Amino acid sequence: MHHFTTKNALILEVFHDAMARFEAEVNQAMAEDPVHYGSFTRAYINATISLGEKGQEELDSQATLYALMLGDSELRELWAKWANAQLKKHQATDNTETLCMVRLVADGIWLSDFSGISISDKTSIHKRLIKMTQLENE
């Protein structure tokens, strides 16, 4: 077991771990996606929406960390650094207005799940978002 000198050090370590797990899920999905265009966005949508569909204990753990991020400038900076690096890395395949919009909708679905806001047909919305990542929709 690790010993941390401060509560903030513990939160940072747990946050880094949650981000690493999220990134691994995104990378795995991208590796399995045969279509390069929009692959990061599809993986991001699936990983983000799946956060709200995981077991309650895991959801509570990760959701608490991400909720902490909203009020903590250091955690927001870490998230922004990761997100901006991913957007730059995948600029050739995922840099369109439509793909940006669907990633933002996925973030909204996660926030709704975390907040307990009911979404009438999340499965249909999820499928529509994935469809919007196809090249013919640009």
C-alpha atoms as a PDB file:
ATOM      1  CA  MET A   1       0.000   0.000   0.000  1.00  0.00           C
ATOM      2  CA  HIS A   2       1.240   3.440  -0.876  1.00  0.00           C
ATOM      3  CA  HIS A   3       1.519   6.158   1.713  1.00  0.00           C
ATOM      4  CA  PHE A   4       0.818   9.690   0.618  1.00  0.00           C
ATOM      5  CA  THR A   5       2.082  12.787   2.333  1.00  0.00           C
ATOM      6  CA  THR A   6      -1.078  14.767   1.620  1.00  0.00           C
ATOM      7  CA  LYS A   7      -4.688  14.202   0.653  1.00  0.00           C
ATOM      8  CA  ASN A   8      -3.982  16.066  -2.574  1.00  0.00           C
ATOM      9  CA  ALA A   9      -1.157  13.642  -3.445  1.00  0.00           C
ATOM     10  CA  LEU A  10      -3.555  10.739  -2.965  1.00  0.00           C
ATOM     11  CA  ILE A  11      -6.235  12.396  -5.131  1.00  0.00           C
ATOM     12  CA  LEU A  12      -3.682  13.103  -7.865  1.00  0.00           C
ATOM     13  CA  GLU A  13      -2.475   9.501  -7.884  1.00  0.00           C
ATOM     14  CA  VAL A  14      -6.007   8.114  -8.043  1.00  0.00           C
ATOM     15  CA  PHE A  15      -6.927  10.617 -10.758  1.00  0.00           C
ATOM     16  CA  HIS A  16      -3.869   9.625 -12.819  1.00  0.00           C
ATOM     17  CA  ASP A  17      -4.890   5.982 -12.423  1.00  0.00           C
ATOM     18  CA  ALA A  18      -8.462   6.714 -13.586  1.00  0.00           C
ATOM     19  CA  MET A  19      -7.154   8.672 -16.573  1.00  0.00           C
ATOM     20  CA  ALA A  20      -4.763   5.850 -17.470  1.00  0.00           C
ATOM     21  CA  ARG A  21      -7.616   3.326 -17.392  1.00  0.00           C
ATOM     22  CA  PHE A  22      -9.784   5.621 -19.527  1.00  0.00           C
ATOM     23  CA  GLU A  23      -6.938   6.138 -22.020  1.00  0.00           C
ATOM     24  CA  ALA A  24      -6.264   2.397 -22.193  1.00  0.00           C
ATOM     25  CA  GLU A  25      -9.935   1.782 -22.988  1.00  0.00           C
ATOM     26  CA  VAL A  26      -9.828   4.437 -25.732  1.00  0.00           C
ATOM     27  CA  ASN A  27      -6.583   3.059 -27.192  1.00  0.00           C
ATOM     28  CA  GLN A  28      -7.899  -0.525 -27.174  1.00  0.00           C
ATOM     29  CA  ALA A  29     -11.072   0.514 -29.000  1.00  0.00           C
ATOM     30  CA  MET A  30      -9.063   2.465 -31.572  1.00  0.00           C
ATOM     31  CA  ALA A  31      -6.784  -0.524 -32.166  1.00  0.00           C
ATOM     32  CA  GLU A  32      -9.828  -2.664 -32.900  1.00  0.00           C
ATOM     33  CA  ASP A  33     -11.482  -0.087 -35.198  1.00  0.00           C
ATOM     34  CA  PRO A  34     -10.783  -0.846 -38.885  1.00  0.00           C
ATOM     35  CA  VAL A  35     -11.822   2.680 -39.969  1.00  0.00           C
ATOM     36  CA  HIS A  36      -9.289   5.400 -39.176  1.00  0.00           C
ATOM     37  CA  TYR A  37     -11.569   8.381 -39.805  1.00  0.00           C
ATOM     38  CA  GLY A  38     -13.284   9.255 -36.513  1.00  0.00           C
ATOM     39  CA  SER A  39     -11.716   6.352 -34.629  1.00  0.00           C
ATOM     40  CA  PHE A  40     -10.647   8.463 -31.651  1.00  0.00           C
ATOM     41  CA  THR A  41     -14.098  10.023 -31.435  1.00  0.00           C
ATOM     42  CA  ARG A  42     -15.864   6.647 -31.587  1.00  0.00           C
ATOM     43  CA  ALA A  43     -13.562   5.284 -28.900  1.00  0.00           C
ATOM     44  CA  TYR A  44     -14.048   8.413 -26.776  1.00  0.00           C
ATOM     45  CA  ILE A  45     -17.844   8.223 -27.111  1.00  0.00           C
ATOM     46  CA  ASN A  46     -17.908   4.552 -26.125  1.00  0.00           C
ATOM     47  CA  ALA A  47     -15.500   4.967 -23.204  1.00  0.00           C
ATOM     48  CA  THR A  48     -17.267   8.084 -21.910  1.00  0.00           C
ATOM     49  CA  ILE A  49     -20.759   6.643 -22.120  1.00  0.00           C
ATOM     50  CA  SER A  50     -19.589   3.349 -20.641  1.00  0.00           C
ATOM     51  CA  LEU A  51     -18.456   5.214 -17.507  1.00  0.00           C
ATOM     52  CA  GLY A  52     -22.122   5.624 -16.640  1.00  0.00           C
ATOM     53  CA  GLU A  53     -22.937   2.009 -17.424  1.00  0.00           C
ATOM     54  CA  LYS A  54     -20.283   0.322 -15.309  1.00  0.00           C
ATOM     55  CA  GLY A  55     -20.983  -1.127 -11.909  1.00  0.00           C
ATOM     56  CA  GLN A  56     -22.123   1.402  -9.325  1.00  0.00           C
ATOM     57  CA  GLU A  57     -18.927   1.082  -7.264  1.00  0.00           C
ATOM     58  CA  GLU A  58     -16.682   1.799 -10.265  1.00  0.00           C
ATOM     59  CA  LEU A  59     -19.011   4.551 -11.492  1.00  0.00           C
ATOM     60  CA  ASP A  60     -18.996   6.206  -8.073  1.00  0.00           C
ATOM     61  CA  SER A  61     -15.207   5.977  -7.844  1.00  0.00           C
ATOM     62  CA  GLN A  62     -14.494   7.432 -11.280  1.00  0.00           C
ATOM     63  CA  ALA A  63     -17.389   9.864 -11.196  1.00  0.00           C
ATOM     64  CA  THR A  64     -16.207  11.262  -7.882  1.00  0.00           C
ATOM     65  CA  LEU A  65     -12.779  11.894  -9.364  1.00  0.00           C
ATOM     66  CA  TYR A  66     -14.189  13.606 -12.429  1.00  0.00           C
ATOM     67  CA  ALA A  67     -16.572  15.632 -10.269  1.00  0.00           C
ATOM     68  CA  LEU A  68     -13.592  16.717  -8.170  1.00  0.00           C
ATOM     69  CA  MET A  69     -11.990  17.836 -11.417  1.00  0.00           C
ATOM     70  CA  LEU A  70     -14.792  20.357 -11.959  1.00  0.00           C
ATOM     71  CA  GLY A  71     -13.812  22.214  -8.809  1.00  0.00           C
ATOM     72  CA  ASP A  72     -10.061  21.668  -8.860  1.00  0.00           C
ATOM     73  CA  SER A  73      -7.954  23.693 -11.265  1.00  0.00           C
ATOM     74  CA  GLU A  74      -5.004  21.272 -11.066  1.00  0.00           C
ATOM     75  CA  LEU A  75      -7.158  18.281 -12.051  1.00  0.00           C
ATOM     76  CA  ARG A  76      -8.868  20.292 -14.801  1.00  0.00           C
ATOM     77  CA  GLU A  77      -5.443  21.232 -16.130  1.00  0.00           C
ATOM     78  CA  LEU A  78      -4.388  17.563 -16.197  1.00  0.00           C
ATOM     79  CA  TRP A  79      -7.583  16.603 -18.033  1.00  0.00           C
ATOM     80  CA  ALA A  80      -7.206  19.496 -20.500  1.00  0.00           C
ATOM     81  CA  LYS A  81      -3.576  18.569 -21.137  1.00  0.00           C
ATOM     82  CA  TRP A  82      -4.578  14.963 -21.889  1.00  0.00           C
ATOM     83  CA  ALA A  83      -7.568  15.945 -24.034  1.00  0.00           C
ATOM     84  CA  ASN A  84      -5.623  18.568 -26.019  1.00  0.00           C
ATOM     85  CA  ALA A  85      -2.773  16.103 -26.620  1.00  0.00           C
ATOM     86  CA  GLN A  86      -5.269  13.522 -27.899  1.00  0.00           C
ATOM     87  CA  LEU A  87      -6.950  16.043 -30.195  1.00  0.00           C
ATOM     88  CA  LYS A  88      -3.566  17.070 -31.594  1.00  0.00           C
ATOM     89  CA  LYS A  89      -2.468  13.439 -31.977  1.00  0.00           C
ATOM     90  CA  HIS A  90      -5.666  12.542 -33.848  1.00  0.00           C
ATOM     91  CA  GLN A  91      -6.018  15.797 -35.763  1.00  0.00           C
ATOM     92  CA  ALA A  92      -5.783  14.068 -39.157  1.00  0.00           C
ATOM     93  CA  THR A  93      -8.727  11.760 -38.411  1.00  0.00           C
ATOM     94  CA  ASP A  94     -10.877  13.526 -35.809  1.00  0.00           C
ATOM     95  CA  ASN A  95     -10.673  17.280 -36.344  1.00  0.00           C
ATOM     96  CA  THR A  96     -14.100  18.245 -37.681  1.00  0.00           C
ATOM     97  CA  GLU A  97     -16.941  20.272 -36.245  1.00  0.00           C
ATOM     98  CA  THR A  98     -19.279  17.255 -36.275  1.00  0.00           C
ATOM     99  CA  LEU A  99     -16.802  15.030 -34.443  1.00  0.00           C
ATOM    100  CA  CYS A 100     -16.250  17.762 -31.854  1.00  0.00           C
ATOM    101  CA  MET A 101     -20.014  18.062 -31.323  1.00  0.00           C
ATOM    102  CA  VAL A 102     -20.508  14.341 -30.805  1.00  0.00           C
ATOM    103  CA  ARG A 103     -17.667  14.214 -28.252  1.00  0.00           C
ATOM    104  CA  LEU A 104     -19.334  17.070 -26.376  1.00  0.00           C
ATOM    105  CA  VAL A 105     -22.680  15.236 -26.430  1.00  0.00           C
ATOM    106  CA  ALA A 106     -20.940  12.156 -24.986  1.00  0.00           C
ATOM    107  CA  ASP A 107     -19.604  14.356 -22.182  1.00  0.00           C
ATOM    108  CA  GLY A 108     -23.151  15.574 -21.564  1.00  0.00           C
ATOM    109  CA  ILE A 109     -24.452  11.996 -21.391  1.00  0.00           C
ATOM    110  CA  TRP A 110     -21.784  11.150 -18.827  1.00  0.00           C
ATOM    111  CA  LEU A 111     -22.686  14.221 -16.762  1.00  0.00           C
ATOM    112  CA  SER A 112     -26.372  13.268 -16.948  1.00  0.00           C
ATOM    113  CA  ASP A 113     -25.584   9.732 -15.776  1.00  0.00           C
ATOM    114  CA  PHE A 114     -23.461  11.067 -12.943  1.00  0.00           C
ATOM    115  CA  SER A 115     -26.168  13.542 -11.934  1.00  0.00           C
ATOM    116  CA  GLY A 116     -28.954  10.977 -12.069  1.00  0.00           C
ATOM    117  CA  ILE A 117     -30.731  12.720 -14.945  1.00  0.00           C
ATOM    118  CA  SER A 118     -32.842  10.268 -16.906  1.00  0.00           C
ATOM    119  CA  ILE A 119     -32.198  10.015 -20.643  1.00  0.00           C
ATOM    120  CA  SER A 120     -35.205   8.560 -22.459  1.00  0.00           C
ATOM    121  CA  ASP A 121     -33.372   6.546 -25.105  1.00  0.00           C
ATOM    122  CA  LYS A 122     -29.654   6.640 -24.408  1.00  0.00           C
ATOM    123  CA  THR A 123     -28.996   3.553 -26.541  1.00  0.00           C
ATOM    124  CA  SER A 124     -30.539   5.229 -29.585  1.00  0.00           C
ATOM    125  CA  ILE A 125     -28.609   8.445 -28.956  1.00  0.00           C
ATOM    126  CA  HIS A 126     -25.379   6.456 -28.530  1.00  0.00           C
ATOM    127  CA  LYS A 127     -25.951   4.680 -31.862  1.00  0.00           C
ATOM    128  CA  ARG A 128     -26.741   7.986 -33.568  1.00  0.00           C
ATOM    129  CA  LEU A 129     -23.555   9.562 -32.233  1.00  0.00           C
ATOM    130  CA  ILE A 130     -21.496   6.647 -33.561  1.00  0.00           C
ATOM    131  CA  LYS A 131     -23.228   6.960 -36.939  1.00  0.00           C
ATOM    132  CA  MET A 132     -22.355  10.657 -36.990  1.00  0.00           C
ATOM    133  CA  THR A 133     -18.647   9.715 -36.848  1.00  0.00           C
ATOM    134  CA  GLN A 134     -18.835   8.077 -40.279  1.00  0.00           C
ATOM    135  CA  LEU A 135     -17.194   9.957 -43.130  1.00  0.00           C
ATOM    136  CA  GLU A 136     -20.400  10.111 -45.212  1.00  0.00           C
ATOM    137  CA  ASN A 137     -21.924  12.355 -42.535  1.00  0.00           C
ATOM    138  CA  GLU A 138     -19.391  15.123 -43.098  1.00  0.00           C
END
